[in-house]
Protein backbone atom coordinates (compact mmCIF):
# COMPACT_ATOMS: atom_id res chain seq x y z
CA MET A 1 0.00 0.00 0.00
CA ILE A 2 1.37 3.42 -0.99
CA ALA A 3 1.19 5.95 1.85
CA GLY A 4 -1.66 8.40 1.27
CA PHE A 5 -3.25 6.28 -1.46
CA GLU A 6 -6.93 5.22 -1.19
CA PHE A 7 -9.11 3.28 -3.58
CA GLY A 8 -12.75 2.38 -3.00
CA SER A 9 -14.09 4.92 -0.48
CA ARG A 10 -13.76 2.49 2.43
CA ALA A 11 -11.36 4.32 4.73
CA PRO A 12 -12.92 6.21 7.68
CA LEU A 13 -14.06 9.74 6.90
CA HIS A 14 -11.67 12.45 8.01
CA VAL A 15 -13.34 15.13 10.17
CA ARG A 16 -11.92 18.58 9.51
CA HIS A 17 -12.64 21.06 12.28
CA GLU A 18 -12.96 24.73 11.40
CA ARG A 19 -13.90 27.83 13.39
CA VAL A 20 -15.48 30.96 11.94
CA SER A 21 -15.68 34.17 13.96
CA VAL A 22 -18.49 36.54 13.00
CA ARG A 23 -18.37 40.25 13.74
CA GLY A 24 -21.49 41.98 15.00
CA ILE A 25 -23.20 39.12 16.81
CA ASP A 26 -23.29 38.67 20.57
CA THR A 27 -25.27 35.47 20.96
CA ALA A 28 -24.68 31.74 21.30
CA SER A 29 -22.39 29.82 18.95
CA TRP A 30 -23.42 27.16 16.44
CA ARG A 31 -21.84 23.88 15.40
CA VAL A 32 -22.74 22.63 11.93
CA LEU A 33 -21.52 19.66 9.94
CA TYR A 34 -21.15 20.07 6.18
CA ALA A 35 -20.91 16.97 3.97
CA SER A 36 -20.72 17.30 0.20
CA ASP A 37 -20.26 14.90 -2.70
CA LEU A 38 -21.78 11.71 -1.29
CA HIS A 39 -22.22 10.32 -4.83
CA LEU A 40 -24.62 7.66 -3.58
CA THR A 41 -25.59 4.58 -5.53
CA ALA A 42 -27.42 1.44 -4.44
CA ARG A 43 -24.03 -0.05 -3.47
CA ARG A 44 -22.70 2.87 -1.47
CA GLU A 45 -24.62 2.45 1.76
CA HIS A 46 -21.27 2.49 3.57
CA VAL A 47 -20.84 6.19 2.70
CA GLY A 48 -24.09 7.07 4.44
CA ALA A 49 -23.17 4.83 7.39
CA ALA A 50 -19.80 6.56 7.76
CA LEU A 51 -21.48 9.98 7.75
CA LEU A 52 -24.00 8.84 10.36
CA GLU A 53 -21.18 7.64 12.60
CA VAL A 54 -19.48 11.06 12.44
CA VAL A 55 -22.69 12.96 13.16
CA ALA A 56 -23.49 10.75 16.15
CA ARG A 57 -20.02 11.40 17.54
CA GLU A 58 -19.79 15.14 16.81
CA GLY A 59 -23.33 16.14 17.83
CA PRO A 60 -23.80 19.18 15.53
CA ASP A 61 -26.77 21.54 15.68
CA ALA A 62 -27.45 20.92 11.98
CA VAL A 63 -26.25 18.71 9.13
CA LEU A 64 -25.75 20.43 5.78
CA LEU A 65 -25.62 18.25 2.66
CA GLY A 66 -23.82 20.18 -0.04
CA GLY A 67 -24.79 18.63 -3.34
CA ASP A 68 -23.78 15.75 -5.60
CA LEU A 69 -25.83 13.57 -3.28
CA LEU A 70 -26.57 11.01 -6.01
CA ASP A 71 -24.52 9.40 -8.74
CA ARG A 72 -27.41 7.23 -9.94
CA ARG A 73 -31.16 7.22 -9.39
CA SER A 74 -30.72 3.88 -7.63
CA GLY A 75 -29.02 5.77 -4.80
CA ALA A 76 -32.24 7.58 -3.88
CA ARG A 77 -33.27 4.85 -1.44
CA VAL A 78 -29.87 5.06 0.26
CA LEU A 79 -30.14 8.85 0.44
CA GLU A 80 -33.62 8.71 1.94
CA ASP A 81 -32.51 6.19 4.56
CA THR A 82 -29.37 8.19 5.36
CA VAL A 83 -31.34 11.41 5.86
CA ARG A 84 -33.88 9.62 8.06
CA ARG A 85 -31.11 8.28 10.30
CA LEU A 86 -29.32 11.63 10.40
CA GLU A 87 -32.55 13.36 11.42
CA SER A 88 -32.53 11.35 14.66
CA HIS A 89 -29.41 13.33 15.63
CA ALA A 90 -29.85 16.76 14.02
CA ARG A 91 -31.95 18.61 11.49
CA VAL A 92 -30.80 18.00 7.91
CA PHE A 93 -30.69 20.63 5.14
CA ALA A 94 -29.67 19.78 1.58
CA VAL A 95 -28.89 21.39 -1.77
CA ALA A 96 -28.31 19.97 -5.25
CA GLY A 97 -25.04 19.64 -7.14
CA ASN A 98 -24.25 19.14 -10.81
CA HIS A 99 -24.54 15.33 -10.53
CA ASP A 100 -28.01 15.70 -8.98
CA GLU A 101 -29.02 17.90 -11.91
CA ARG A 102 -27.83 15.19 -14.29
CA VAL A 103 -29.62 12.39 -12.43
CA GLY A 104 -32.68 14.57 -11.86
CA ARG A 105 -32.98 17.22 -9.17
CA ALA A 106 -36.49 16.02 -8.27
CA CYS A 107 -35.10 12.56 -7.48
CA ALA A 108 -32.67 13.98 -4.90
CA ARG A 109 -35.25 16.41 -3.54
CA ASN A 110 -37.91 13.73 -3.06
CA ALA A 111 -35.43 11.43 -1.29
CA VAL A 112 -34.33 14.18 1.11
CA ARG A 113 -37.89 15.21 1.90
CA ALA A 114 -39.08 11.60 2.28
CA GLY A 115 -36.31 11.10 4.85
CA GLY A 116 -37.58 14.09 6.85
CA GLY A 117 -34.93 16.55 5.68
CA HIS A 118 -35.30 20.07 4.30
CA TRP A 119 -34.59 21.01 0.68
CA LEU A 120 -33.07 24.49 0.83
CA HIS A 121 -33.95 25.30 -2.78
CA ASP A 122 -37.60 25.35 -1.68
CA CYS A 123 -37.06 28.15 0.84
CA GLU A 124 -34.50 29.72 3.15
CA GLN A 125 -34.45 28.29 6.67
CA GLU A 126 -33.67 29.91 10.02
CA LEU A 127 -32.63 28.18 13.22
CA LEU A 128 -33.23 29.81 16.58
CA ARG A 129 -31.64 29.05 19.96
CA ASN A 130 -31.33 31.22 23.08
CA GLY A 131 -31.71 34.38 21.05
CA SER A 132 -29.23 33.25 18.41
CA ARG A 133 -30.25 33.13 14.74
CA LEU A 134 -28.64 31.06 11.99
CA GLN A 135 -29.94 31.64 8.47
CA LEU A 136 -29.34 28.92 5.89
CA SER A 137 -29.68 29.78 2.19
CA SER A 138 -29.01 28.01 -1.09
CA THR A 139 -29.27 31.06 -3.33
CA ILE A 140 -27.82 34.51 -2.85
CA ARG A 141 -29.98 37.07 -1.06
CA ARG A 142 -28.61 40.50 -0.25
CA ARG A 143 -28.05 41.27 3.41
CA GLY A 144 -31.01 43.26 4.70
CA ALA A 145 -31.95 45.44 7.66
CA ASN A 146 -33.48 42.47 9.50
CA ASP A 147 -30.30 40.40 9.30
CA GLY A 148 -28.54 42.08 12.22
CA ASN A 149 -27.23 39.91 15.08
CA CYS A 150 -27.66 36.90 12.83
CA VAL A 151 -25.23 34.41 11.30
CA ARG A 152 -25.80 34.14 7.54
CA ALA A 153 -24.60 30.91 5.94
CA LEU A 154 -24.82 30.02 2.24
CA ILE A 155 -24.93 26.28 1.57
CA GLY A 156 -23.49 25.80 -1.87
CA HIS A 157 -21.85 23.22 -4.08
CA ASP A 158 -19.54 24.98 -6.53
CA PRO A 159 -17.03 27.27 -4.71
CA ARG A 160 -17.30 29.89 -7.45
CA ILE A 161 -20.50 31.08 -5.78
CA ILE A 162 -18.31 33.00 -3.33
CA GLU A 163 -17.54 35.59 -5.99
CA ALA A 164 -21.10 36.95 -5.80
CA ALA A 165 -21.98 35.84 -2.27
CA ALA A 166 -19.08 37.30 -0.28
CA PRO A 167 -20.61 40.73 0.56
CA HIS A 168 -23.80 39.18 1.89
CA TYR A 169 -22.74 36.12 3.94
CA ASP A 170 -20.56 35.35 6.93
CA VAL A 171 -19.67 31.82 5.83
CA VAL A 172 -20.08 29.96 2.55
CA PHE A 173 -19.81 26.16 2.32
CA ALA A 174 -18.88 24.41 -0.93
CA GLY A 175 -17.48 21.15 -2.30
CA HIS A 176 -17.49 19.98 -5.93
CA LEU A 177 -13.72 20.00 -6.51
CA HIS A 178 -12.82 16.99 -4.31
CA GLY A 179 -9.51 18.70 -3.60
CA GLY A 180 -8.44 17.43 -7.01
CA GLN A 181 -8.44 13.86 -5.53
CA CYS A 182 -4.67 13.66 -5.99
CA VAL A 183 -2.58 16.24 -4.16
CA TRP A 184 1.15 16.52 -4.70
CA TRP A 185 1.78 19.75 -2.82
CA SER A 186 0.03 22.79 -1.33
CA ARG A 187 0.97 26.45 -1.44
CA ALA A 188 -0.74 29.57 -0.06
CA GLY A 189 -3.77 27.51 0.98
CA ARG A 190 -4.29 25.91 -2.43
CA LEU A 191 -3.96 22.24 -3.40
CA TYR A 192 -1.94 21.33 -6.49
CA PRO A 193 -2.07 20.34 -9.27
CA GLY A 194 -5.86 20.91 -9.02
CA ALA A 195 -5.41 24.61 -8.26
CA TRP A 196 -3.90 25.09 -11.71
CA PHE A 197 -7.36 24.37 -13.12
CA ASP A 198 -9.55 26.04 -10.47
CA ARG A 199 -8.46 28.90 -8.20
CA TRP A 200 -10.74 27.67 -5.38
CA ASN A 201 -9.10 24.26 -5.14
CA GLY A 202 -8.07 24.68 -1.50
CA LEU A 203 -9.51 24.42 1.99
CA ARG A 204 -10.27 27.90 3.33
CA PHE A 205 -10.40 31.38 1.81
CA ASP A 206 -11.21 34.83 3.20
CA VAL A 207 -13.09 36.83 0.59
CA GLU A 208 -14.36 40.37 1.29
CA GLY A 209 -15.13 39.55 4.92
CA ALA A 210 -16.74 36.18 4.22
CA VAL A 211 -15.12 32.80 4.92
CA LEU A 212 -15.31 30.17 2.17
CA LEU A 213 -14.85 26.59 3.41
CA VAL A 214 -14.31 24.04 0.65
CA SER A 215 -14.76 20.35 1.48
CA ARG A 216 -12.68 17.68 -0.24
CA GLY A 217 -15.89 15.61 -0.35
CA ALA A 218 -17.09 12.37 1.24
CA ALA A 219 -16.93 10.16 -1.89
CA ASP A 220 -16.18 10.20 -5.61
CA THR A 221 -17.53 8.87 -8.89
CA LEU A 222 -14.08 7.43 -9.51
CA PRO A 223 -13.00 6.40 -5.97
CA LEU A 224 -9.27 7.03 -6.32
CA ARG A 225 -7.34 9.44 -4.09
CA PHE A 226 -3.78 10.31 -3.14
CA ARG A 227 -2.93 12.51 -0.15
CA CYS A 228 -6.47 13.91 -0.29
CA PRO A 229 -8.65 12.34 2.41
CA ARG A 230 -12.40 12.01 1.98
CA GLU A 231 -13.83 14.33 4.60
CA VAL A 232 -16.65 16.21 6.25
CA LEU A 233 -16.40 19.66 7.85
CA CYS A 234 -17.37 20.31 11.45
CA CYS A 235 -17.57 24.08 11.81
CA ALA A 236 -18.01 26.12 14.97
CA ILE A 237 -19.48 29.58 14.28
CA ALA A 238 -19.17 32.11 17.11
CA ALA A 239 -19.02 35.82 17.84
CA GLU A 240 -15.73 37.54 17.12
CA CYS A 241 -13.82 38.25 20.32
CA THR A 242 -13.26 42.01 20.64
CA SER A 243 -11.49 42.14 24.02
């Protein structure tokens, strides 16, 4: 076995912990888990089981599924079952990716909703706890007068959404790039050689006051990786310390 080499999406999911500090809020913090690129098929139940294990251990306030949920329509049953099991631990919110569009967005949407989850393309959602507000969006909405003392999170798939979203959101979640799947070196927060083809092929970027977190994804259509672990993001979002 070559060090750092993985084939078959069977290794345990890596959990990447991130922290985002938000200026202008003074209320309780949030912990969310973002998982993108599940690429489920009828034979990939182990991907959903691995995600469930992480969620049970981490105990997030919400689970965010960031697109490319399905690789084939046959994975809809696995997606529905995964969402149902996740919902026993935390509320689940999902968006579509380019693979879901190819398979059929309605197929992914119906599976998420049948499992008890929320499809963010239907409407923006807001979580409330002890006076703290967390807004979850799938499409860009300008920051308004009623968005004060509120964390605004955009749940995306393609990282390029940050280019329009940055002025209006505190944190943007994305996946899609899989870290390039094979990483030979990193420089200035970017992963190469993938960053030669996409400027957002990295882990974390600060853009006009917003934080973009890019997941390397939980699975792949072609399950081959080198020095690029399959992962989920566990993100703590809290008020910026001013003292």
